[in-house]
């Protein structure tokens, strides 16, 4: 895999992660009762290109030079997602 293919793969991974997160949030929002839906501003927003790029940079940083201390920081930031090492 050349560097361009690797970057494209990382970008796709970030996009898929954020889309799955959006879909899960949307399902939770749809499950709310009608009165709670009056708070439409709470509805999840589809990820922007900037958010996808930001997530890709984060993933690239992780796979490029993650050490144990950096890995611990990332796991703490991703609070709520089950990760087993």
PDB file of N, CA and C in Angstrom:
ATOM      1  N   UNK A   1       0.858  -1.181   0.000  1.00  0.00           N
ATOM      2  CA  UNK A   1       0.000   0.000   0.000  1.00  0.00           C
ATOM      3  C   UNK A   1       0.898   1.236   0.000  1.00  0.00           C
ATOM      4  N   UNK A   2       0.671   2.113  -0.945  1.00  0.00           N
ATOM      5  CA  UNK A   2       1.490   3.320  -0.998  1.00  0.00           C
ATOM      6  C   UNK A   2       0.916   4.379  -0.043  1.00  0.00           C
ATOM      7  N   UNK A   3       1.658   5.464   0.204  1.00  0.00           N
ATOM      8  CA  UNK A   3       1.209   6.476   1.160  1.00  0.00           C
ATOM      9  C   UNK A   3      -0.153   7.100   0.813  1.00  0.00           C
ATOM     10  N   UNK A   4      -0.435   7.249  -0.464  1.00  0.00           N
ATOM     11  CA  UNK A   4      -1.722   7.836  -0.862  1.00  0.00           C
ATOM     12  C   UNK A   4      -2.876   6.900  -0.524  1.00  0.00           C
ATOM     13  N   UNK A   5      -2.659   5.606  -0.795  1.00  0.00           N
ATOM     14  CA  UNK A   5      -3.692   4.619  -0.471  1.00  0.00           C
ATOM     15  C   UNK A   5      -3.900   4.534   1.037  1.00  0.00           C
ATOM     16  N   UNK A   6      -2.823   4.636   1.793  1.00  0.00           N
ATOM     17  CA  UNK A   6      -2.919   4.606   3.248  1.00  0.00           C
ATOM     18  C   UNK A   6      -3.708   5.805   3.770  1.00  0.00           C
ATOM     19  N   UNK A   7      -3.406   6.976   3.263  1.00  0.00           N
ATOM     20  CA  UNK A   7      -4.148   8.175   3.680  1.00  0.00           C
ATOM     21  C   UNK A   7      -5.626   8.058   3.324  1.00  0.00           C
ATOM     22  N   UNK A   8      -5.903   7.548   2.135  1.00  0.00           N
ATOM     23  CA  UNK A   8      -7.292   7.369   1.708  1.00  0.00           C
ATOM     24  C   UNK A   8      -8.009   6.372   2.617  1.00  0.00           C
ATOM     25  N   UNK A   9      -7.320   5.314   2.975  1.00  0.00           N
ATOM     26  CA  UNK A   9      -7.892   4.313   3.879  1.00  0.00           C
ATOM     27  C   UNK A   9      -8.188   4.924   5.247  1.00  0.00           C
ATOM     28  N   UNK A  10      -7.275   5.714   5.753  1.00  0.00           N
ATOM     29  CA  UNK A  10      -7.478   6.371   7.055  1.00  0.00           C
ATOM     30  C   UNK A  10      -8.652   7.345   6.976  1.00  0.00           C
ATOM     31  N   UNK A  11      -8.737   8.095   5.884  1.00  0.00           N
ATOM     32  CA  UNK A  11      -9.847   9.029   5.706  1.00  0.00           C
ATOM     33  C   UNK A  11     -11.176   8.274   5.674  1.00  0.00           C
ATOM     34  N   UNK A  12     -11.228   7.151   4.964  1.00  0.00           N
ATOM     35  CA  UNK A  12     -12.452   6.346   4.918  1.00  0.00           C
ATOM     36  C   UNK A  12     -12.803   5.776   6.290  1.00  0.00           C
ATOM     37  N   UNK A  13     -11.805   5.356   7.039  1.00  0.00           N
ATOM     38  CA  UNK A  13     -12.043   4.843   8.384  1.00  0.00           C
ATOM     39  C   UNK A  13     -12.646   5.925   9.268  1.00  0.00           C
ATOM     40  N   UNK A  14     -12.101   7.122   9.192  1.00  0.00           N
ATOM     41  CA  UNK A  14     -12.634   8.238   9.978  1.00  0.00           C
ATOM     42  C   UNK A  14     -14.068   8.549   9.578  1.00  0.00           C
ATOM     43  N   UNK A  15     -14.329   8.582   8.275  1.00  0.00           N
ATOM     44  CA  UNK A  15     -15.680   8.859   7.771  1.00  0.00           C
ATOM     45  C   UNK A  15     -16.664   7.797   8.258  1.00  0.00           C
ATOM     46  N   UNK A  16     -16.286   6.537   8.134  1.00  0.00           N
ATOM     47  CA  UNK A  16     -17.171   5.457   8.570  1.00  0.00           C
ATOM     48  C   UNK A  16     -17.428   5.520  10.070  1.00  0.00           C
ATOM     49  N   UNK A  17     -16.393   5.820  10.858  1.00  0.00           N
ATOM     50  CA  UNK A  17     -16.551   5.937  12.310  1.00  0.00           C
ATOM     51  C   UNK A  17     -17.559   7.030  12.655  1.00  0.00           C
ATOM     52  N   UNK A  18     -17.392   8.198  12.058  1.00  0.00           N
ATOM     53  CA  UNK A  18     -18.286   9.316  12.364  1.00  0.00           C
ATOM     54  C   UNK A  18     -19.701   9.060  11.851  1.00  0.00           C
ATOM     55  N   UNK A  19     -19.839   8.393  10.699  1.00  0.00           N
ATOM     56  CA  UNK A  19     -21.176   8.072  10.198  1.00  0.00           C
ATOM     57  C   UNK A  19     -21.876   7.073  11.108  1.00  0.00           C
ATOM     58  N   UNK A  20     -21.153   6.079  11.603  1.00  0.00           N
ATOM     59  CA  UNK A  20     -21.747   5.109  12.528  1.00  0.00           C
ATOM     60  C   UNK A  20     -22.156   5.792  13.834  1.00  0.00           C
ATOM     61  N   UNK A  21     -21.329   6.693  14.294  1.00  0.00           N
ATOM     62  CA  UNK A  21     -21.643   7.451  15.504  1.00  0.00           C
ATOM     63  C   UNK A  21     -22.909   8.289  15.286  1.00  0.00           C
ATOM     64  N   UNK A  22     -23.003   8.929  14.117  1.00  0.00           N
ATOM     65  CA  UNK A  22     -24.183   9.730  13.779  1.00  0.00           C
ATOM     66  C   UNK A  22     -25.433   8.860  13.739  1.00  0.00           C
ATOM     67  N   UNK A  23     -25.346   7.695  13.084  1.00  0.00           N
ATOM     68  CA  UNK A  23     -26.507   6.808  12.976  1.00  0.00           C
ATOM     69  C   UNK A  23     -26.969   6.324  14.341  1.00  0.00           C
ATOM     70  N   UNK A  24     -26.040   6.006  15.227  1.00  0.00           N
ATOM     71  CA  UNK A  24     -26.401   5.576  16.577  1.00  0.00           C
ATOM     72  C   UNK A  24     -27.085   6.711  17.331  1.00  0.00           C
ATOM     73  N   UNK A  25     -26.553   7.917  17.200  1.00  0.00           N
ATOM     74  CA  UNK A  25     -27.162   9.072  17.867  1.00  0.00           C
ATOM     75  C   UNK A  25     -28.542   9.376  17.294  1.00  0.00           C
ATOM     76  N   UNK A  26     -28.695   9.211  15.977  1.00  0.00           N
ATOM     77  CA  UNK A  26     -29.978   9.456  15.336  1.00  0.00           C
ATOM     78  C   UNK A  26     -31.015   8.434  15.792  1.00  0.00           C
ATOM     79  N   UNK A  27     -30.617   7.172  15.918  1.00  0.00           N
ATOM     80  CA  UNK A  27     -31.536   6.143  16.408  1.00  0.00           C
ATOM     81  C   UNK A  27     -31.982   6.463  17.830  1.00  0.00           C
ATOM     82  N   UNK A  28     -31.067   6.910  18.657  1.00  0.00           N
ATOM     83  CA  UNK A  28     -31.412   7.278  20.027  1.00  0.00           C
ATOM     84  C   UNK A  28     -32.368   8.467  20.035  1.00  0.00           C
ATOM     85  N   UNK A  29     -32.113   9.433  19.162  1.00  0.00           N
ATOM     86  CA  UNK A  29     -32.984  10.604  19.085  1.00  0.00           C
ATOM     87  C   UNK A  29     -34.377  10.206  18.601  1.00  0.00           C
ATOM     88  N   UNK A  30     -34.447   9.336  17.593  1.00  0.00           N
ATOM     89  CA  UNK A  30     -35.731   8.877  17.070  1.00  0.00           C
ATOM     90  C   UNK A  30     -36.534   8.101  18.111  1.00  0.00           C
ATOM     91  N   UNK A  31     -35.842   7.475  19.044  1.00  0.00           N
ATOM     92  CA  UNK A  31     -36.517   6.693  20.083  1.00  0.00           C
ATOM     93  C   UNK A  31     -37.135   7.577  21.166  1.00  0.00           C
ATOM     94  N   UNK A  32     -36.763   8.833  21.178  1.00  0.00           N
ATOM     95  CA  UNK A  32     -37.307   9.748  22.183  1.00  0.00           C
ATOM     96  C   UNK A  32     -38.792   9.970  21.922  1.00  0.00           C
ATOM     97  N   UNK A  33     -39.521  10.306  22.974  1.00  0.00           N
ATOM     98  CA  UNK A  33     -40.950  10.557  22.784  1.00  0.00           C
ATOM     99  C   UNK A  33     -41.170  11.906  22.107  1.00  0.00           C
ATOM    100  N   UNK A  34     -42.401  12.142  21.684  1.00  0.00           N
ATOM    101  CA  UNK A  34     -42.723  13.343  20.900  1.00  0.00           C
ATOM    102  C   UNK A  34     -42.424  14.635  21.660  1.00  0.00           C
ATOM    103  N   UNK A  35     -42.675  14.667  22.970  1.00  0.00           N
ATOM    104  CA  UNK A  35     -42.449  15.909  23.714  1.00  0.00           C
ATOM    105  C   UNK A  35     -40.970  16.253  23.772  1.00  0.00           C
ATOM    106  N   UNK A  36     -40.146  15.236  23.885  1.00  0.00           N
ATOM    107  CA  UNK A  36     -38.712  15.498  23.928  1.00  0.00           C
ATOM    108  C   UNK A  36     -38.212  15.991  22.575  1.00  0.00           C
ATOM    109  N   UNK A  37     -38.892  15.602  21.501  1.00  0.00           N
ATOM    110  CA  UNK A  37     -38.465  16.025  20.175  1.00  0.00           C
ATOM    111  C   UNK A  37     -38.723  17.512  19.931  1.00  0.00           C
ATOM    112  N   UNK A  38     -39.406  18.159  20.869  1.00  0.00           N
ATOM    113  CA  UNK A  38     -39.564  19.601  20.767  1.00  0.00           C
ATOM    114  C   UNK A  38     -38.202  20.297  20.858  1.00  0.00           C
ATOM    115  N   UNK A  39     -37.239  19.569  21.366  1.00  0.00           N
ATOM    116  CA  UNK A  39     -35.891  20.110  21.482  1.00  0.00           C
ATOM    117  C   UNK A  39     -35.076  19.671  20.267  1.00  0.00           C
ATOM    118  N   UNK A  40     -35.505  20.115  19.114  1.00  0.00           N
ATOM    119  CA  UNK A  40     -34.888  19.702  17.848  1.00  0.00           C
ATOM    120  C   UNK A  40     -33.400  20.054  17.788  1.00  0.00           C
ATOM    121  N   UNK A  41     -33.005  21.054  18.527  1.00  0.00           N
ATOM    122  CA  UNK A  41     -31.594  21.439  18.511  1.00  0.00           C
ATOM    123  C   UNK A  41     -30.704  20.335  19.075  1.00  0.00           C
ATOM    124  N   UNK A  42     -31.301  19.357  19.762  1.00  0.00           N
ATOM    125  CA  UNK A  42     -30.532  18.234  20.289  1.00  0.00           C
ATOM    126  C   UNK A  42     -30.308  17.138  19.242  1.00  0.00           C
ATOM    127  N   UNK A  43     -30.985  17.254  18.117  1.00  0.00           N
ATOM    128  CA  UNK A  43     -30.852  16.239  17.068  1.00  0.00           C
ATOM    129  C   UNK A  43     -29.395  16.165  16.605  1.00  0.00           C
ATOM    130  N   UNK A  44     -28.913  14.962  16.372  1.00  0.00           N
ATOM    131  CA  UNK A  44     -27.515  14.840  15.932  1.00  0.00           C
ATOM    132  C   UNK A  44     -27.303  15.455  14.554  1.00  0.00           C
ATOM    133  N   UNK A  45     -26.143  16.002  14.366  1.00  0.00           N
ATOM    134  CA  UNK A  45     -25.772  16.615  13.079  1.00  0.00           C
ATOM    135  C   UNK A  45     -24.860  15.649  12.328  1.00  0.00           C
ATOM    136  N   UNK A  46     -25.061  15.570  11.016  1.00  0.00           N
ATOM    137  CA  UNK A  46     -24.212  14.721  10.187  1.00  0.00           C
ATOM    138  C   UNK A  46     -22.802  15.293  10.203  1.00  0.00           C
ATOM    139  N   UNK A  47     -21.778  14.426  10.259  1.00  0.00           N
ATOM    140  CA  UNK A  47     -20.403  14.937  10.333  1.00  0.00           C
ATOM    141  C   UNK A  47     -20.016  15.790   9.124  1.00  0.00           C
ATOM    142  N   UNK A  48     -19.302  16.851   9.413  1.00  0.00           N
ATOM    143  CA  UNK A  48     -18.824  17.736   8.358  1.00  0.00           C
ATOM    144  C   UNK A  48     -17.502  17.200   7.797  1.00  0.00           C
ATOM    145  N   UNK A  49     -17.092  17.739   6.670  1.00  0.00           N
ATOM    146  CA  UNK A  49     -15.814  17.354   6.077  1.00  0.00           C
ATOM    147  C   UNK A  49     -14.683  17.672   7.056  1.00  0.00           C
ATOM    148  N   UNK A  50     -14.774  18.800   7.724  1.00  0.00           N
ATOM    149  CA  UNK A  50     -13.743  19.198   8.678  1.00  0.00           C
ATOM    150  C   UNK A  50     -13.638  18.191   9.816  1.00  0.00           C
ATOM    151  N   UNK A  51     -14.785  17.698  10.310  1.00  0.00           N
ATOM    152  CA  UNK A  51     -14.772  16.711  11.388  1.00  0.00           C
ATOM    153  C   UNK A  51     -14.164  15.392  10.915  1.00  0.00           C
ATOM    154  N   UNK A  52     -14.462  15.006   9.687  1.00  0.00           N
ATOM    155  CA  UNK A  52     -13.892  13.771   9.130  1.00  0.00           C
ATOM    156  C   UNK A  52     -12.373  13.909   9.019  1.00  0.00           C
ATOM    157  N   UNK A  53     -11.908  15.041   8.525  1.00  0.00           N
ATOM    158  CA  UNK A  53     -10.467  15.267   8.386  1.00  0.00           C
ATOM    159  C   UNK A  53      -9.804  15.287   9.762  1.00  0.00           C
ATOM    160  N   UNK A  54     -10.434  15.933  10.723  1.00  0.00           N
ATOM    161  CA  UNK A  54      -9.894  15.980  12.085  1.00  0.00           C
ATOM    162  C   UNK A  54      -9.768  14.572  12.662  1.00  0.00           C
ATOM    163  N   UNK A  55     -10.787  13.743  12.464  1.00  0.00           N
ATOM    164  CA  UNK A  55     -10.747  12.377  12.957  1.00  0.00           C
ATOM    165  C   UNK A  55      -9.666  11.585  12.225  1.00  0.00           C
ATOM    166  N   UNK A  56      -9.513  11.794  10.920  1.00  0.00           N
ATOM    167  CA  UNK A  56      -8.474  11.108  10.146  1.00  0.00           C
ATOM    168  C   UNK A  56      -7.086  11.478  10.659  1.00  0.00           C
ATOM    169  N   UNK A  57      -6.880  12.745  10.965  1.00  0.00           N
ATOM    170  CA  UNK A  57      -5.592  13.191  11.506  1.00  0.00           C
ATOM    171  C   UNK A  57      -5.343  12.503  12.848  1.00  0.00           C
ATOM    172  N   UNK A  58      -6.373  12.413  13.666  1.00  0.00           N
ATOM    173  CA  UNK A  58      -6.250  11.749  14.964  1.00  0.00           C
ATOM    174  C   UNK A  58      -5.883  10.266  14.782  1.00  0.00           C
ATOM    175  N   UNK A  59      -6.547   9.586  13.849  1.00  0.00           N
ATOM    176  CA  UNK A  59      -6.255   8.173  13.591  1.00  0.00           C
ATOM    177  C   UNK A  59      -4.836   8.021  13.040  1.00  0.00           C
ATOM    178  N   UNK A  60      -4.455   8.896  12.113  1.00  0.00           N
ATOM    179  CA  UNK A  60      -3.114   8.838  11.534  1.00  0.00           C
ATOM    180  C   UNK A  60      -2.048   9.026  12.606  1.00  0.00           C
ATOM    181  N   UNK A  61      -2.273   9.969  13.482  1.00  0.00           N
ATOM    182  CA  UNK A  61      -1.325  10.211  14.574  1.00  0.00           C
ATOM    183  C   UNK A  61      -1.210   8.970  15.439  1.00  0.00           C
ATOM    184  N   UNK A  62      -2.345   8.342  15.701  1.00  0.00           N
ATOM    185  CA  UNK A  62      -2.358   7.141  16.522  1.00  0.00           C
ATOM    186  C   UNK A  62      -1.562   6.014  15.866  1.00  0.00           C
ATOM    187  N   UNK A  63      -1.817   5.737  14.608  1.00  0.00           N
ATOM    188  CA  UNK A  63      -1.138   4.612  13.959  1.00  0.00           C
ATOM    189  C   UNK A  63       0.312   4.941  13.609  1.00  0.00           C
ATOM    190  N   UNK A  64       0.649   6.209  13.507  1.00  0.00           N
ATOM    191  CA  UNK A  64       2.003   6.584  13.117  1.00  0.00           C
ATOM    192  C   UNK A  64       2.987   6.529  14.271  1.00  0.00           C
ATOM    193  N   UNK A  65       2.571   7.040  15.429  1.00  0.00           N
ATOM    194  CA  UNK A  65       3.561   7.148  16.507  1.00  0.00           C
ATOM    195  C   UNK A  65       2.935   7.050  17.899  1.00  0.00           C
ATOM    196  N   UNK A  66       2.021   6.141  18.077  1.00  0.00           N
ATOM    197  CA  UNK A  66       1.395   6.001  19.390  1.00  0.00           C
ATOM    198  C   UNK A  66       2.338   5.266  20.337  1.00  0.00           C
ATOM    199  N   UNK A  67       2.526   5.864  21.483  1.00  0.00           N
ATOM    200  CA  UNK A  67       3.244   5.157  22.533  1.00  0.00           C
ATOM    201  C   UNK A  67       2.260   4.916  23.677  1.00  0.00           C
ATOM    202  N   UNK A  68       2.678   4.278  24.700  1.00  0.00           N
ATOM    203  CA  UNK A  68       1.755   3.881  25.767  1.00  0.00           C
ATOM    204  C   UNK A  68       1.067   5.082  26.420  1.00  0.00           C
ATOM    205  N   UNK A  69       1.803   6.135  26.690  1.00  0.00           N
ATOM    206  CA  UNK A  69       1.216   7.319  27.325  1.00  0.00           C
ATOM    207  C   UNK A  69       0.192   7.974  26.403  1.00  0.00           C
ATOM    208  N   UNK A  70       0.518   8.078  25.124  1.00  0.00           N
ATOM    209  CA  UNK A  70      -0.403   8.661  24.142  1.00  0.00           C
ATOM    210  C   UNK A  70      -1.638   7.779  23.995  1.00  0.00           C
ATOM    211  N   UNK A  71      -1.428   6.473  23.979  1.00  0.00           N
ATOM    212  CA  UNK A  71      -2.533   5.528  23.875  1.00  0.00           C
ATOM    213  C   UNK A  71      -3.487   5.684  25.055  1.00  0.00           C
ATOM    214  N   UNK A  72      -2.955   5.858  26.241  1.00  0.00           N
ATOM    215  CA  UNK A  72      -3.786   6.052  27.430  1.00  0.00           C
ATOM    216  C   UNK A  72      -4.626   7.315  27.309  1.00  0.00           C
ATOM    217  N   UNK A  73      -4.052   8.391  26.793  1.00  0.00           N
ATOM    218  CA  UNK A  73      -4.795   9.637  26.602  1.00  0.00           C
ATOM    219  C   UNK A  73      -5.953   9.430  25.619  1.00  0.00           C
ATOM    220  N   UNK A  74      -5.672   8.722  24.533  1.00  0.00           N
ATOM    221  CA  UNK A  74      -6.700   8.490  23.514  1.00  0.00           C
ATOM    222  C   UNK A  74      -7.834   7.667  24.086  1.00  0.00           C
ATOM    223  N   UNK A  75      -7.514   6.619  24.824  1.00  0.00           N
ATOM    224  CA  UNK A  75      -8.549   5.766  25.414  1.00  0.00           C
ATOM    225  C   UNK A  75      -9.410   6.564  26.381  1.00  0.00           C
ATOM    226  N   UNK A  76      -8.804   7.436  27.163  1.00  0.00           N
ATOM    227  CA  UNK A  76      -9.576   8.271  28.090  1.00  0.00           C
ATOM    228  C   UNK A  76     -10.496   9.224  27.340  1.00  0.00           C
ATOM    229  N   UNK A  77     -10.035   9.754  26.180  1.00  0.00           N
ATOM    230  CA  UNK A  77     -10.861  10.672  25.396  1.00  0.00           C
ATOM    231  C   UNK A  77     -12.028   9.965  24.735  1.00  0.00           C
ATOM    232  N   UNK A  78     -11.862   8.702  24.420  1.00  0.00           N
ATOM    233  CA  UNK A  78     -12.894   7.956  23.720  1.00  0.00           C
ATOM    234  C   UNK A  78     -13.863   7.351  24.744  1.00  0.00           C
ATOM    235  N   UNK A  79     -13.888   7.901  25.916  1.00  0.00           N
ATOM    236  CA  UNK A  79     -14.728   7.417  27.015  1.00  0.00           C
ATOM    237  C   UNK A  79     -16.095   6.947  26.528  1.00  0.00           C
ATOM    238  N   UNK A  80     -16.479   5.748  26.956  1.00  0.00           N
ATOM    239  CA  UNK A  80     -17.772   5.234  26.583  1.00  0.00           C
ATOM    240  C   UNK A  80     -17.738   4.186  25.505  1.00  0.00           C
ATOM    241  N   UNK A  81     -16.599   4.049  24.846  1.00  0.00           N
ATOM    242  CA  UNK A  81     -16.462   3.016  23.825  1.00  0.00           C
ATOM    243  C   UNK A  81     -15.619   1.903  24.429  1.00  0.00           C
ATOM    244  N   UNK A  82     -16.143   0.691  24.398  1.00  0.00           N
ATOM    245  CA  UNK A  82     -15.431  -0.439  24.979  1.00  0.00           C
ATOM    246  C   UNK A  82     -14.224  -0.827  24.146  1.00  0.00           C
ATOM    247  N   UNK A  83     -13.058  -0.683  24.731  1.00  0.00           N
ATOM    248  CA  UNK A  83     -11.824  -1.065  24.064  1.00  0.00           C
ATOM    249  C   UNK A  83     -11.076  -2.008  24.997  1.00  0.00           C
ATOM    250  N   UNK A  84     -10.748  -3.175  24.511  1.00  0.00           N
ATOM    251  CA  UNK A  84     -10.004  -4.136  25.309  1.00  0.00           C
ATOM    252  C   UNK A  84      -8.590  -4.286  24.752  1.00  0.00           C
ATOM    253  N   UNK A  85      -7.613  -4.259  25.639  1.00  0.00           N
ATOM    254  CA  UNK A  85      -6.225  -4.452  25.242  1.00  0.00           C
ATOM    255  C   UNK A  85      -5.691  -5.691  25.911  1.00  0.00           C
TER     256      UNK A  85
END
